[in-house]
C-alpha cells in the first residue's frame, strides 16, 4: 500500500474546496461543473496505491460531490442563521473554521463509506491541524450541523449526531475508556435532533443518548442518557473576594 503524500492531499482538498465553492455567483448553486484535469489528477494521485483501480474510484467519488455540496450548503445556512456575527453565507464558507472542518469531514466520510483506507483519516487530521477540530471520518453526522468557534472539539469514530445540532468549543463526544478490544463496538454517544452542546461539555459512552431538543450546558460531564427536552447544566459556586479584605486572604503564586 502506498501512503499518499500529506502535502499532496492537503493541496487536493483545498483545490476541491475551491471547485465546490468558487467565490462568485456559483458559490450557492447546487449544480457543480465536472472537475477539471488539475483536480482529477490530484484525486488520482491520492487514490493511487490505495485502491485497485484509482481512476474508477476517482469517478465514484466525483459522483458523490453534488450531494456533498447540497449538504454543505445546508450546513452553511444553518451556521449563518445561528450566528448573529455572520454577515452572509459567503463569509461562513470562506472564513469559518467550523465550516471547513465540516467540509473535510463530509469529504472524508464519503471516502470512508467507499472503504478507502488511510485517506479519510489524513483529510480529517488536516482539518484538525488547521482548525483544532478533531472529527473521526467514521462519525455519522446529520444535516444541518453547526460548529461555532470550534477549537478543541473531539468527535469519536462511532458517534452519531442527528439533524439541527449545534456544538460550541471544547465539546468532547468520546468513549468511556480506551480499550482496543472494543474497537468494533459503538464506543461514542448518540446526539439526537435539535440538540445544543455548549462549551466544554463532555459526553462519553456508546450507550449514552442525548434525547432530541435537549440543551447540554457548559462544562457538563455526562456518562448517562438524558430524555428528550432535557436541560442539563453544571452548577458551580462563584466567590467574589472583597477588595478591602487583608491581602493575605488569597495568595497566588505564578
Foldseek 3Di string as FASTA:
>chain_A
DDQADLVLLVVLLVVVLCQQAPPDPCRLPLDGDQDDPVNLVSQLSRCVPQDPDSNVVSVVLSVCVSVLSVQLSQQLVLQQVVDPVDPDSSCSSPPPLFSVLVSLLSSLLSVVVVVGPPSSQSSNVVSCVVQLAHERSQEAEEPNEEEASAHQEHHDNQEYEEYQEYEYYNEYFEFPDDDPVCVPPQGTEYEYAQEYEYHNEYETGRAEYEEYNEYEDHNHYYDHHDYHNYYHYDDDDDDDDDPPDPPVPDDDDD
